[in-house]
Amino acid sequence: TLLFSVLKTDQILHFVNIWPLESQVFSLKTPQTFHTIFQPLSGLQRPGAPKKALEAIEDELQFSTAVILNVCVTLNEFPLIRYHNPSHPPLGPLAPPPNAAGNGSSSSSATQIAAIAASSLYASSAAVSQTK
């Protein structure tokens, strides 16, 4: 109920850019975010696609970070943000195949994109936690 009471007026909603769904749940109303972050290489065959995918991921992360920061400031909340930061190289489909070392395959681009997205997310979460 705190979220609803703080976000009742249209003026606050205009600046915060979130939509309350329940008393403790809100939405950014950006359905494209999931696709942009988790499937950025769908058009890898086009020239310049990896660079555009990285830019799209960075834009989505910056927008989402700004909105979450706005919510925290508006509600005077200081969240504890947890994230996974493994000390080992990527596993599974992000790891380049053993026979593709140095041939510039798309899996190395995928690894680079995943690493940049992870570092952007880390930087974003550090910025939110520094507002404490």
Protein backbone atom coordinates (compact mmCIF):
# COMPACT_ATOMS: atom_id res chain seq x y z
CA THR A 1 0.00 0.00 0.00
CA LEU A 2 2.96 2.32 0.49
CA LEU A 3 3.74 2.17 -3.22
CA PHE A 4 0.16 3.11 -4.13
CA SER A 5 -0.01 5.94 -1.60
CA VAL A 6 3.22 7.49 -2.85
CA LEU A 7 2.44 6.99 -6.53
CA LYS A 8 -1.21 8.12 -6.56
CA THR A 9 -0.78 11.38 -8.38
CA ASP A 10 -0.24 11.57 -12.12
CA GLN A 11 2.50 14.13 -11.63
CA ILE A 12 4.72 11.69 -9.73
CA LEU A 13 3.96 8.90 -12.20
CA HIS A 14 5.00 11.18 -15.05
CA PHE A 15 8.48 11.65 -13.60
CA VAL A 16 9.00 8.19 -12.13
CA ASN A 17 7.79 6.34 -15.25
CA ILE A 18 6.55 3.21 -13.47
CA TRP A 19 3.17 1.54 -13.18
CA PRO A 20 2.15 -0.02 -9.85
CA LEU A 21 0.56 -3.44 -10.31
CA GLU A 22 0.09 -4.44 -6.67
CA SER A 23 0.98 -2.95 -3.31
CA GLN A 24 4.58 -4.26 -3.52
CA VAL A 25 4.96 -4.76 -7.30
CA PHE A 26 5.59 -2.31 -10.11
CA SER A 27 6.26 -2.58 -13.83
CA LEU A 28 8.43 -0.59 -16.22
CA LYS A 29 6.09 -1.52 -19.11
CA THR A 30 9.00 -2.29 -21.41
CA PRO A 31 8.39 -5.78 -22.82
CA GLN A 32 11.25 -5.40 -25.32
CA THR A 33 13.84 -5.33 -22.52
CA PHE A 34 13.87 -9.10 -22.03
CA HIS A 35 14.40 -9.76 -25.74
CA THR A 36 17.05 -7.06 -26.09
CA ILE A 37 19.14 -8.27 -23.16
CA PHE A 38 18.78 -12.04 -23.55
CA GLN A 39 18.71 -12.39 -27.36
CA PRO A 40 20.86 -9.55 -28.70
CA LEU A 41 22.46 -11.58 -31.50
CA SER A 42 19.30 -12.49 -33.43
CA GLY A 43 20.54 -10.50 -36.46
CA LEU A 44 24.27 -11.25 -36.23
CA GLN A 45 24.67 -11.86 -39.98
CA ARG A 46 24.26 -8.13 -40.76
CA PRO A 47 27.38 -5.95 -40.75
CA GLY A 48 27.76 -3.99 -37.53
CA ALA A 49 25.18 -6.13 -35.73
CA PRO A 50 27.34 -6.98 -32.67
CA LYS A 51 28.07 -3.29 -32.08
CA LYS A 52 24.38 -2.40 -32.40
CA ALA A 53 23.48 -5.25 -30.05
CA LEU A 54 25.92 -3.94 -27.45
CA GLU A 55 24.52 -0.43 -27.77
CA ALA A 56 20.96 -1.75 -27.38
CA ILE A 57 21.92 -3.72 -24.26
CA GLU A 58 23.64 -0.70 -22.74
CA ASP A 59 20.64 1.53 -23.51
CA GLU A 60 18.21 -0.93 -21.91
CA LEU A 61 20.38 -1.33 -18.81
CA GLN A 62 20.81 2.43 -18.42
CA PHE A 63 17.07 3.04 -18.78
CA SER A 64 16.15 0.26 -16.33
CA THR A 65 18.76 1.47 -13.85
CA ALA A 66 17.46 5.04 -14.02
CA VAL A 67 13.88 3.92 -13.42
CA ILE A 68 14.82 1.68 -10.49
CA LEU A 69 16.92 4.49 -9.02
CA ASN A 70 13.92 6.85 -9.38
CA VAL A 71 11.72 4.36 -7.53
CA CYS A 72 14.26 4.01 -4.71
CA VAL A 73 14.64 7.77 -4.33
CA THR A 74 10.88 8.40 -4.49
CA LEU A 75 10.11 5.76 -1.87
CA ASN A 76 13.20 6.60 0.23
CA GLU A 77 14.33 2.97 0.02
CA PHE A 78 17.87 1.62 0.20
CA PRO A 79 17.76 -1.81 -1.44
CA LEU A 80 20.34 -4.53 -1.14
CA ILE A 81 21.14 -5.55 -4.71
CA ARG A 82 22.54 -9.01 -5.26
CA TYR A 83 24.04 -10.33 -8.45
CA HIS A 84 26.09 -13.30 -9.60
CA ASN A 85 29.72 -12.51 -10.44
CA PRO A 86 31.47 -15.81 -11.23
CA SER A 87 35.24 -16.07 -11.02
CA HIS A 88 35.38 -18.64 -13.84
CA PRO A 89 35.01 -18.11 -17.62
CA PRO A 90 31.54 -18.42 -19.20
CA LEU A 91 30.03 -21.89 -19.34
CA GLY A 92 27.63 -23.41 -21.83
CA PRO A 93 26.70 -21.69 -25.07
CA LEU A 94 28.68 -18.51 -24.29
CA ALA A 95 31.97 -20.40 -24.13
CA PRO A 96 33.67 -20.61 -27.54
CA PRO A 97 33.95 -24.14 -28.94
CA PRO A 98 37.44 -25.68 -28.64
CA ASN A 99 37.96 -25.76 -32.43
CA ALA A 100 36.89 -22.12 -32.95
CA ALA A 101 39.83 -20.50 -31.18
CA GLY A 102 40.90 -17.41 -33.07
CA ASN A 103 38.64 -17.75 -36.11
CA GLY A 104 36.38 -14.81 -35.15
CA SER A 105 33.25 -16.88 -34.78
CA SER A 106 29.98 -15.46 -33.50
CA SER A 107 30.42 -17.23 -30.16
CA SER A 108 33.35 -14.95 -29.35
CA SER A 109 31.08 -11.99 -30.13
CA ALA A 110 28.48 -13.52 -27.84
CA THR A 111 31.09 -13.85 -25.11
CA GLN A 112 32.11 -10.20 -25.54
CA ILE A 113 28.49 -9.04 -25.44
CA ALA A 114 27.80 -11.09 -22.32
CA ALA A 115 30.91 -9.72 -20.61
CA ILE A 116 30.01 -6.12 -21.45
CA ALA A 117 26.40 -6.62 -20.34
CA ALA A 118 27.60 -8.12 -17.05
CA SER A 119 30.03 -5.26 -16.44
CA SER A 120 27.33 -2.70 -17.28
CA LEU A 121 24.93 -4.37 -14.87
CA TYR A 122 27.65 -4.39 -12.20
CA ALA A 123 28.35 -0.69 -12.75
CA SER A 124 24.62 0.07 -12.65
CA SER A 125 24.08 -1.86 -9.43
CA ALA A 126 27.13 -0.18 -7.89
CA ALA A 127 25.66 3.22 -8.76
CA VAL A 128 22.36 2.29 -7.09
CA SER A 129 24.08 0.96 -3.97
CA GLN A 130 26.24 4.12 -3.73
CA THR A 131 23.10 6.24 -3.34
CA LYS A 132 22.69 4.77 0.15
